[in-house]
């Protein structure tokens, strides 16, 4: 069985699930780490929204829930994502990650003897430019390959999934 730790920040779409479950021929097992959106990255998200031409999103960044209000939708997104992965025939468990997601990632990789890490997020232009995105930082923390994929939009505006693969 091939084990992947899947870091996400929004619910998986059916297209995302099809993509990550078809990456390997082996039976897949996923450990999903879901990070609720928080206040600390609000400015970077707004800059990304402006850079991507999503001005309406940028305006509404200040309206994002925080704390316990952010955890509730994250738990629903995690449960939905786990359901889709299991429905595809994969094994899947998960958890919400507060605090330092990369520290938790390293622990989970070690505890599960994971074969790889998949970081599935929306584009984060500023963080990616400065190599401060999850995938770039994870490559320095874990001893397994890290695959970076762009999540598909949940609203039906699904674009071609671009990927970047690099191992430590």
N, C-alpha and C. Protein backbone atom coordinates (compact mmCIF):
# COMPACT_ATOMS: atom_id res chain seq x y z
N UNK A 1 0.85 -1.18 0.00
CA UNK A 1 0.00 0.00 0.00
C UNK A 1 0.89 1.24 0.00
N UNK A 2 0.51 2.22 -0.77
CA UNK A 2 1.25 3.46 -0.90
C UNK A 2 0.57 4.51 -0.02
N UNK A 3 1.31 5.12 0.89
CA UNK A 3 0.73 6.09 1.82
C UNK A 3 1.17 7.50 1.47
N UNK A 4 0.19 8.37 1.30
CA UNK A 4 0.44 9.79 1.02
C UNK A 4 -0.15 10.63 2.14
N UNK A 5 0.61 11.62 2.58
CA UNK A 5 0.07 12.63 3.47
C UNK A 5 -0.39 13.76 2.57
N UNK A 6 -1.65 14.12 2.68
CA UNK A 6 -2.26 15.11 1.81
C UNK A 6 -2.58 16.36 2.61
N UNK A 7 -1.87 17.45 2.33
CA UNK A 7 -2.13 18.72 3.01
C UNK A 7 -3.09 19.54 2.15
N UNK A 8 -4.22 19.94 2.76
CA UNK A 8 -5.21 20.72 2.02
C UNK A 8 -5.64 21.93 2.84
N UNK A 9 -6.24 22.89 2.15
CA UNK A 9 -6.77 24.08 2.82
C UNK A 9 -8.22 24.35 2.44
N UNK A 10 -8.76 23.51 1.56
CA UNK A 10 -10.16 23.61 1.17
C UNK A 10 -10.65 22.20 0.84
N UNK A 11 -11.97 21.99 0.79
CA UNK A 11 -12.45 20.63 0.53
C UNK A 11 -11.98 20.15 -0.84
N UNK A 12 -11.72 18.87 -0.93
CA UNK A 12 -11.36 18.28 -2.21
C UNK A 12 -12.57 18.28 -3.13
N UNK A 13 -12.32 18.37 -4.42
CA UNK A 13 -13.37 18.20 -5.42
C UNK A 13 -13.24 16.78 -5.97
N UNK A 14 -14.24 16.33 -6.69
CA UNK A 14 -14.17 15.01 -7.32
C UNK A 14 -12.98 14.94 -8.27
N UNK A 15 -12.69 16.03 -8.96
CA UNK A 15 -11.54 16.07 -9.88
C UNK A 15 -10.23 15.92 -9.11
N UNK A 16 -10.13 16.59 -7.96
CA UNK A 16 -8.93 16.46 -7.13
C UNK A 16 -8.74 15.01 -6.70
N UNK A 17 -9.81 14.38 -6.25
CA UNK A 17 -9.74 13.00 -5.79
C UNK A 17 -9.33 12.07 -6.93
N UNK A 18 -9.94 12.25 -8.10
CA UNK A 18 -9.56 11.43 -9.26
C UNK A 18 -8.07 11.59 -9.56
N UNK A 19 -7.60 12.81 -9.46
CA UNK A 19 -6.21 13.08 -9.78
C UNK A 19 -5.26 12.45 -8.77
N UNK A 20 -5.47 12.68 -7.48
CA UNK A 20 -4.52 12.16 -6.48
C UNK A 20 -4.59 10.64 -6.36
N UNK A 21 -5.75 10.06 -6.62
CA UNK A 21 -5.86 8.60 -6.51
C UNK A 21 -5.31 7.89 -7.75
N UNK A 22 -5.08 8.62 -8.81
CA UNK A 22 -4.54 8.00 -10.02
C UNK A 22 -3.03 8.23 -10.17
N UNK A 23 -2.41 8.82 -9.19
CA UNK A 23 -0.98 9.11 -9.29
C UNK A 23 -0.12 7.85 -9.22
N UNK A 24 -0.62 6.81 -8.55
CA UNK A 24 0.15 5.58 -8.37
C UNK A 24 -0.73 4.37 -8.68
N UNK A 25 -0.10 3.30 -9.10
CA UNK A 25 -0.84 2.08 -9.42
C UNK A 25 -1.23 1.30 -8.18
N UNK A 26 -0.53 1.52 -7.08
CA UNK A 26 -0.80 0.79 -5.84
C UNK A 26 -2.11 1.25 -5.21
N UNK A 27 -2.60 0.41 -4.28
CA UNK A 27 -3.74 0.82 -3.46
C UNK A 27 -3.28 2.00 -2.60
N UNK A 28 -4.07 3.04 -2.53
CA UNK A 28 -3.66 4.27 -1.85
C UNK A 28 -4.26 4.38 -0.46
N UNK A 29 -3.45 4.95 0.42
CA UNK A 29 -3.88 5.29 1.77
C UNK A 29 -3.50 6.75 1.98
N UNK A 30 -4.45 7.54 2.47
CA UNK A 30 -4.22 8.98 2.65
C UNK A 30 -4.38 9.37 4.12
N UNK A 31 -3.48 10.23 4.56
CA UNK A 31 -3.63 10.92 5.83
C UNK A 31 -3.81 12.37 5.45
N UNK A 32 -4.98 12.91 5.68
CA UNK A 32 -5.31 14.27 5.25
C UNK A 32 -5.12 15.24 6.40
N UNK A 33 -4.33 16.27 6.15
CA UNK A 33 -4.15 17.34 7.13
C UNK A 33 -4.84 18.59 6.58
N UNK A 34 -5.86 19.04 7.30
CA UNK A 34 -6.66 20.20 6.89
C UNK A 34 -6.32 21.37 7.80
N UNK A 35 -5.93 22.47 7.21
CA UNK A 35 -5.62 23.67 7.99
C UNK A 35 -6.71 24.71 7.82
N UNK A 36 -7.37 25.09 8.91
CA UNK A 36 -8.38 26.15 8.79
C UNK A 36 -7.71 27.45 8.38
N UNK A 37 -8.44 28.23 7.62
CA UNK A 37 -7.90 29.54 7.23
C UNK A 37 -7.85 30.42 8.46
N UNK A 38 -6.76 31.12 8.60
CA UNK A 38 -6.58 31.94 9.79
C UNK A 38 -6.26 33.38 9.46
N UNK A 39 -6.18 34.17 10.50
CA UNK A 39 -5.93 35.60 10.36
C UNK A 39 -4.50 35.89 9.91
N UNK A 40 -3.55 34.99 10.26
CA UNK A 40 -2.14 35.28 10.01
C UNK A 40 -1.79 35.39 8.53
N UNK A 41 -2.54 34.75 7.65
CA UNK A 41 -2.20 34.81 6.23
C UNK A 41 -3.21 35.62 5.41
N UNK A 42 -4.01 36.41 6.08
CA UNK A 42 -5.05 37.19 5.40
C UNK A 42 -4.47 38.17 4.38
N UNK A 43 -3.41 38.89 4.74
CA UNK A 43 -2.80 39.85 3.81
C UNK A 43 -2.25 39.15 2.57
N UNK A 44 -1.56 38.05 2.77
CA UNK A 44 -1.01 37.31 1.63
C UNK A 44 -2.12 36.79 0.72
N UNK A 45 -3.22 36.32 1.30
CA UNK A 45 -4.35 35.85 0.49
C UNK A 45 -4.94 37.01 -0.32
N UNK A 46 -5.05 38.16 0.28
CA UNK A 46 -5.60 39.32 -0.43
C UNK A 46 -4.69 39.72 -1.59
N UNK A 47 -3.38 39.71 -1.36
CA UNK A 47 -2.43 40.04 -2.43
C UNK A 47 -2.53 39.00 -3.55
N UNK A 48 -2.61 37.73 -3.19
CA UNK A 48 -2.78 36.68 -4.20
C UNK A 48 -4.05 36.89 -5.00
N UNK A 49 -5.14 37.22 -4.32
CA UNK A 49 -6.41 37.45 -5.01
C UNK A 49 -6.28 38.58 -6.01
N UNK A 50 -5.63 39.67 -5.62
CA UNK A 50 -5.44 40.80 -6.53
C UNK A 50 -4.57 40.38 -7.71
N UNK A 51 -3.48 39.66 -7.45
CA UNK A 51 -2.57 39.23 -8.51
C UNK A 51 -3.26 38.28 -9.49
N UNK A 52 -4.21 37.49 -9.01
CA UNK A 52 -4.94 36.56 -9.87
C UNK A 52 -6.17 37.20 -10.50
N UNK A 53 -6.38 38.50 -10.24
CA UNK A 53 -7.50 39.20 -10.83
C UNK A 53 -8.83 38.93 -10.14
N UNK A 54 -8.79 38.40 -8.94
CA UNK A 54 -10.01 38.08 -8.20
C UNK A 54 -10.26 39.17 -7.16
N UNK A 55 -10.58 40.35 -7.64
CA UNK A 55 -10.74 41.51 -6.77
C UNK A 55 -11.87 41.34 -5.77
N UNK A 56 -12.94 40.69 -6.18
CA UNK A 56 -14.06 40.47 -5.27
C UNK A 56 -13.63 39.64 -4.07
N UNK A 57 -12.81 38.61 -4.31
CA UNK A 57 -12.28 37.78 -3.23
C UNK A 57 -11.43 38.63 -2.28
N UNK A 58 -10.58 39.48 -2.83
CA UNK A 58 -9.68 40.30 -2.02
C UNK A 58 -10.46 41.19 -1.07
N UNK A 59 -11.55 41.74 -1.56
CA UNK A 59 -12.37 42.63 -0.75
C UNK A 59 -12.97 41.88 0.43
N UNK A 60 -13.30 40.62 0.24
CA UNK A 60 -14.00 39.85 1.28
C UNK A 60 -13.06 39.06 2.20
N UNK A 61 -11.75 39.20 2.05
CA UNK A 61 -10.82 38.47 2.91
C UNK A 61 -11.01 38.83 4.38
N UNK A 62 -11.37 40.06 4.66
CA UNK A 62 -11.55 40.45 6.06
C UNK A 62 -12.79 39.82 6.69
N UNK A 63 -13.65 39.25 5.87
CA UNK A 63 -14.88 38.63 6.38
C UNK A 63 -14.71 37.15 6.69
N UNK A 64 -13.51 36.59 6.46
CA UNK A 64 -13.26 35.18 6.74
C UNK A 64 -13.40 34.89 8.23
N UNK A 65 -13.99 33.75 8.58
CA UNK A 65 -14.12 33.40 10.00
C UNK A 65 -12.76 33.09 10.62
N UNK A 66 -12.67 33.27 11.93
CA UNK A 66 -11.44 32.99 12.66
C UNK A 66 -11.75 32.09 13.84
N UNK A 67 -10.70 31.51 14.42
CA UNK A 67 -10.83 30.72 15.63
C UNK A 67 -11.80 29.56 15.47
N UNK A 68 -12.71 29.43 16.44
CA UNK A 68 -13.66 28.32 16.42
C UNK A 68 -14.59 28.40 15.22
N UNK A 69 -14.91 29.61 14.77
CA UNK A 69 -15.75 29.78 13.59
C UNK A 69 -15.07 29.22 12.35
N UNK A 70 -13.74 29.27 12.28
CA UNK A 70 -13.01 28.73 11.14
C UNK A 70 -12.86 27.23 11.24
N UNK A 71 -12.84 26.70 12.46
CA UNK A 71 -12.65 25.27 12.67
C UNK A 71 -13.86 24.47 12.23
N UNK A 72 -15.05 25.00 12.46
CA UNK A 72 -16.27 24.28 12.09
C UNK A 72 -16.34 24.00 10.58
N UNK A 73 -16.15 25.01 9.72
CA UNK A 73 -16.16 24.72 8.27
C UNK A 73 -14.99 23.83 7.86
N UNK A 74 -13.86 23.94 8.55
CA UNK A 74 -12.71 23.09 8.24
C UNK A 74 -13.03 21.64 8.54
N UNK A 75 -13.73 21.38 9.64
CA UNK A 75 -14.11 20.01 10.00
C UNK A 75 -15.08 19.44 8.96
N UNK A 76 -16.01 20.26 8.50
CA UNK A 76 -16.94 19.81 7.46
C UNK A 76 -16.19 19.52 6.16
N UNK A 77 -15.25 20.40 5.81
CA UNK A 77 -14.45 20.20 4.59
C UNK A 77 -13.61 18.93 4.70
N UNK A 78 -13.03 18.70 5.85
CA UNK A 78 -12.23 17.49 6.06
C UNK A 78 -13.09 16.25 5.93
N UNK A 79 -14.24 16.23 6.60
CA UNK A 79 -15.13 15.06 6.53
C UNK A 79 -15.60 14.79 5.10
N UNK A 80 -15.92 15.84 4.38
CA UNK A 80 -16.34 15.70 2.98
C UNK A 80 -15.20 15.13 2.14
N UNK A 81 -13.99 15.64 2.35
CA UNK A 81 -12.83 15.16 1.59
C UNK A 81 -12.53 13.70 1.90
N UNK A 82 -12.60 13.33 3.17
CA UNK A 82 -12.37 11.93 3.55
C UNK A 82 -13.42 11.02 2.93
N UNK A 83 -14.66 11.48 2.91
CA UNK A 83 -15.74 10.72 2.29
C UNK A 83 -15.45 10.47 0.81
N UNK A 84 -15.02 11.49 0.08
CA UNK A 84 -14.72 11.34 -1.35
C UNK A 84 -13.56 10.38 -1.58
N UNK A 85 -12.54 10.48 -0.75
CA UNK A 85 -11.39 9.58 -0.89
C UNK A 85 -11.80 8.13 -0.62
N UNK A 86 -12.57 7.91 0.41
CA UNK A 86 -13.02 6.55 0.74
C UNK A 86 -13.95 6.01 -0.34
N UNK A 87 -14.80 6.87 -0.86
CA UNK A 87 -15.72 6.48 -1.93
C UNK A 87 -14.95 6.03 -3.18
N UNK A 88 -13.74 6.57 -3.37
CA UNK A 88 -12.92 6.21 -4.52
C UNK A 88 -12.20 4.87 -4.33
N UNK A 89 -12.33 4.30 -3.13
CA UNK A 89 -11.69 3.02 -2.85
C UNK A 89 -10.39 3.14 -2.07
N UNK A 90 -10.01 4.33 -1.70
CA UNK A 90 -8.79 4.54 -0.92
C UNK A 90 -9.10 4.53 0.56
N UNK A 91 -8.09 4.23 1.34
CA UNK A 91 -8.22 4.38 2.79
C UNK A 91 -7.90 5.84 3.11
N UNK A 92 -8.59 6.41 4.06
CA UNK A 92 -8.36 7.82 4.38
C UNK A 92 -8.71 8.12 5.83
N UNK A 93 -7.79 8.80 6.50
CA UNK A 93 -8.02 9.35 7.83
C UNK A 93 -7.53 10.78 7.77
N UNK A 94 -7.93 11.58 8.75
CA UNK A 94 -7.49 12.97 8.70
C UNK A 94 -7.66 13.69 10.01
N UNK A 95 -7.14 14.90 10.01
CA UNK A 95 -7.22 15.74 11.20
C UNK A 95 -7.08 17.20 10.81
N UNK A 96 -7.65 18.04 11.65
CA UNK A 96 -7.49 19.48 11.48
C UNK A 96 -6.20 19.87 12.19
N UNK A 97 -5.43 20.71 11.54
CA UNK A 97 -4.15 21.12 12.08
C UNK A 97 -4.19 22.59 12.43
N UNK A 98 -4.05 22.87 13.72
CA UNK A 98 -3.92 24.25 14.18
C UNK A 98 -2.45 24.49 14.49
N UNK A 99 -2.08 25.70 14.63
CA UNK A 99 -0.70 25.99 15.03
C UNK A 99 0.28 25.87 13.90
N UNK A 100 1.24 24.97 14.03
CA UNK A 100 2.33 24.85 13.07
C UNK A 100 2.12 23.62 12.19
N UNK A 101 1.52 23.80 11.00
CA UNK A 101 1.18 22.64 10.18
C UNK A 101 2.40 21.86 9.70
N UNK A 102 3.52 22.51 9.49
CA UNK A 102 4.69 21.79 9.00
C UNK A 102 5.32 20.92 10.07
N UNK A 103 5.24 21.33 11.33
CA UNK A 103 5.71 20.48 12.41
C UNK A 103 4.83 19.24 12.51
N UNK A 104 3.52 19.43 12.40
CA UNK A 104 2.60 18.30 12.44
C UNK A 104 2.82 17.39 11.24
N UNK A 105 3.10 17.98 10.09
CA UNK A 105 3.36 17.20 8.88
C UNK A 105 4.54 16.25 9.10
N UNK A 106 5.60 16.78 9.63
CA UNK A 106 6.80 15.95 9.85
C UNK A 106 6.48 14.78 10.80
N UNK A 107 5.75 15.08 11.86
CA UNK A 107 5.37 14.04 12.81
C UNK A 107 4.52 12.96 12.15
N UNK A 108 3.53 13.38 11.35
CA UNK A 108 2.65 12.43 10.68
C UNK A 108 3.43 11.58 9.68
N UNK A 109 4.33 12.20 8.93
CA UNK A 109 5.16 11.44 7.97
C UNK A 109 5.96 10.37 8.71
N UNK A 110 6.56 10.75 9.83
CA UNK A 110 7.34 9.79 10.61
C UNK A 110 6.46 8.70 11.21
N UNK A 111 5.32 9.07 11.79
CA UNK A 111 4.44 8.10 12.46
C UNK A 111 3.83 7.09 11.49
N UNK A 112 3.55 7.52 10.26
CA UNK A 112 2.86 6.66 9.30
C UNK A 112 3.80 6.02 8.29
N UNK A 113 5.08 6.38 8.36
CA UNK A 113 6.06 5.92 7.35
C UNK A 113 5.54 6.23 5.95
N UNK A 114 5.06 7.45 5.77
CA UNK A 114 4.48 7.87 4.49
C UNK A 114 5.52 7.80 3.37
N UNK A 115 5.03 7.52 2.18
CA UNK A 115 5.89 7.44 1.00
C UNK A 115 6.07 8.78 0.33
N UNK A 116 5.12 9.69 0.54
CA UNK A 116 5.20 11.01 -0.09
C UNK A 116 4.28 11.98 0.63
N UNK A 117 4.46 13.25 0.31
CA UNK A 117 3.57 14.31 0.76
C UNK A 117 3.00 14.97 -0.49
N UNK A 118 1.70 15.18 -0.49
CA UNK A 118 1.05 15.94 -1.56
C UNK A 118 0.49 17.20 -0.94
N UNK A 119 0.91 18.34 -1.44
CA UNK A 119 0.38 19.63 -0.99
C UNK A 119 -0.58 20.09 -2.08
N UNK A 120 -1.86 20.16 -1.75
CA UNK A 120 -2.90 20.51 -2.72
C UNK A 120 -3.55 21.82 -2.27
N UNK A 121 -3.19 22.92 -2.91
CA UNK A 121 -3.68 24.22 -2.51
C UNK A 121 -4.02 25.07 -3.73
N UNK A 122 -4.68 26.17 -3.48
CA UNK A 122 -4.87 27.18 -4.51
C UNK A 122 -3.51 27.85 -4.74
N UNK A 123 -3.31 28.48 -5.88
CA UNK A 123 -2.05 29.19 -6.09
C UNK A 123 -1.86 30.30 -5.05
N UNK A 124 -0.66 30.39 -4.53
CA UNK A 124 -0.29 31.45 -3.59
C UNK A 124 0.95 32.13 -4.16
N UNK A 125 0.73 33.10 -5.02
CA UNK A 125 1.81 33.69 -5.80
C UNK A 125 2.91 34.30 -4.95
N UNK A 126 2.55 35.05 -3.94
CA UNK A 126 3.55 35.72 -3.12
C UNK A 126 4.38 34.69 -2.35
N UNK A 127 3.72 33.77 -1.69
CA UNK A 127 4.43 32.75 -0.92
C UNK A 127 5.29 31.88 -1.83
N UNK A 128 4.78 31.52 -3.01
CA UNK A 128 5.55 30.68 -3.93
C UNK A 128 6.77 31.42 -4.46
N UNK A 129 6.62 32.69 -4.75
CA UNK A 129 7.74 33.48 -5.26
C UNK A 129 8.90 33.49 -4.26
N UNK A 130 8.57 33.63 -2.99
CA UNK A 130 9.60 33.67 -1.95
C UNK A 130 9.88 32.29 -1.34
N UNK A 131 9.32 31.24 -1.94
CA UNK A 131 9.51 29.87 -1.46
C UNK A 131 9.10 29.71 0.00
N UNK A 132 8.00 30.35 0.37
CA UNK A 132 7.46 30.26 1.74
C UNK A 132 6.15 29.49 1.75
N UNK A 133 5.78 28.90 0.62
CA UNK A 133 4.56 28.10 0.56
C UNK A 133 4.81 26.76 1.26
N UNK A 134 3.73 26.03 1.53
CA UNK A 134 3.83 24.77 2.26
C UNK A 134 4.77 23.79 1.58
N UNK A 135 4.63 23.63 0.28
CA UNK A 135 5.44 22.62 -0.43
C UNK A 135 6.93 22.96 -0.34
N UNK A 136 7.28 24.19 -0.58
CA UNK A 136 8.69 24.59 -0.53
C UNK A 136 9.27 24.37 0.86
N UNK A 137 8.53 24.75 1.87
CA UNK A 137 9.02 24.59 3.25
C UNK A 137 9.01 23.13 3.67
N UNK A 138 8.03 22.35 3.21
CA UNK A 138 7.95 20.94 3.57
C UNK A 138 9.15 20.16 3.04
N UNK A 139 9.66 20.56 1.90
CA UNK A 139 10.80 19.87 1.30
C UNK A 139 12.03 19.92 2.20
N UNK A 140 12.06 20.89 3.09
CA UNK A 140 13.18 21.02 4.02
C UNK A 140 12.91 20.33 5.35
N UNK A 141 11.69 19.83 5.54
CA UNK A 141 11.32 19.25 6.84
C UNK A 141 11.13 17.74 6.80
N UNK A 142 10.74 17.20 5.67
CA UNK A 142 10.42 15.77 5.60
C UNK A 142 11.41 15.05 4.69
N UNK A 143 11.60 13.80 4.91
CA UNK A 143 12.57 13.03 4.13
C UNK A 143 11.93 12.21 3.02
N UNK A 144 10.78 12.66 2.53
CA UNK A 144 10.10 11.97 1.44
C UNK A 144 9.81 12.96 0.33
N UNK A 145 9.53 12.47 -0.88
CA UNK A 145 9.19 13.39 -1.98
C UNK A 145 7.96 14.24 -1.64
N UNK A 146 7.98 15.48 -2.10
CA UNK A 146 6.86 16.41 -1.90
C UNK A 146 6.34 16.81 -3.27
N UNK A 147 5.08 16.55 -3.50
CA UNK A 147 4.43 16.87 -4.76
C UNK A 147 3.49 18.04 -4.52
N UNK A 148 3.60 19.06 -5.34
CA UNK A 148 2.75 20.25 -5.20
C UNK A 148 1.75 20.27 -6.34
N UNK A 149 0.47 20.31 -5.97
CA UNK A 149 -0.60 20.34 -6.95
C UNK A 149 -1.52 21.52 -6.67
N UNK A 150 -2.13 22.04 -7.72
CA UNK A 150 -3.10 23.12 -7.54
C UNK A 150 -4.50 22.52 -7.50
N UNK A 151 -5.22 22.87 -6.46
CA UNK A 151 -6.58 22.37 -6.26
C UNK A 151 -7.51 22.94 -7.31
N UNK A 152 -8.53 22.18 -7.62
CA UNK A 152 -9.55 22.64 -8.54
C UNK A 152 -10.58 23.46 -7.79
N UNK A 153 -11.16 24.41 -8.46
CA UNK A 153 -12.19 25.25 -7.85
C UNK A 153 -13.44 24.42 -7.59
N UNK A 154 -14.02 24.61 -6.44
CA UNK A 154 -15.21 23.85 -6.06
C UNK A 154 -16.46 24.38 -6.74
N UNK A 155 -16.38 25.55 -7.35
CA UNK A 155 -17.58 26.16 -7.92
C UNK A 155 -17.80 25.78 -9.38
N UNK A 156 -17.08 24.75 -9.86
CA UNK A 156 -17.29 24.32 -11.24
C UNK A 156 -16.35 25.00 -12.21
N UNK A 157 -15.62 26.02 -11.79
CA UNK A 157 -14.66 26.70 -12.64
C UNK A 157 -13.34 25.94 -12.57
N UNK A 158 -13.34 24.71 -13.09
CA UNK A 158 -12.18 23.84 -12.95
C UNK A 158 -11.22 24.05 -14.11
N UNK A 159 -10.00 24.36 -13.77
CA UNK A 159 -8.96 24.55 -14.76
C UNK A 159 -8.07 23.34 -14.79
N UNK A 160 -7.21 23.27 -15.79
CA UNK A 160 -6.22 22.19 -15.90
C UNK A 160 -5.37 22.17 -14.64
N UNK A 161 -5.20 21.02 -14.03
CA UNK A 161 -4.41 20.89 -12.81
C UNK A 161 -2.94 20.85 -13.17
N UNK A 162 -2.22 21.85 -12.69
CA UNK A 162 -0.79 21.92 -12.92
C UNK A 162 -0.10 21.28 -11.73
N UNK A 163 1.03 20.69 -11.98
CA UNK A 163 1.75 20.09 -10.87
C UNK A 163 3.24 20.34 -10.97
N UNK A 164 3.87 20.24 -9.84
CA UNK A 164 5.31 20.41 -9.74
C UNK A 164 5.79 19.35 -8.76
N UNK A 165 6.72 18.54 -9.19
CA UNK A 165 7.20 17.48 -8.32
C UNK A 165 8.67 17.69 -8.04
N UNK A 166 9.02 17.57 -6.80
CA UNK A 166 10.41 17.69 -6.42
C UNK A 166 10.59 16.91 -5.14
N UNK A 167 11.68 16.22 -5.03
CA UNK A 167 11.93 15.51 -3.79
C UNK A 167 13.14 16.08 -3.12
N UNK A 168 13.18 15.80 -1.83
CA UNK A 168 14.29 16.34 -1.04
C UNK A 168 15.58 15.64 -1.40
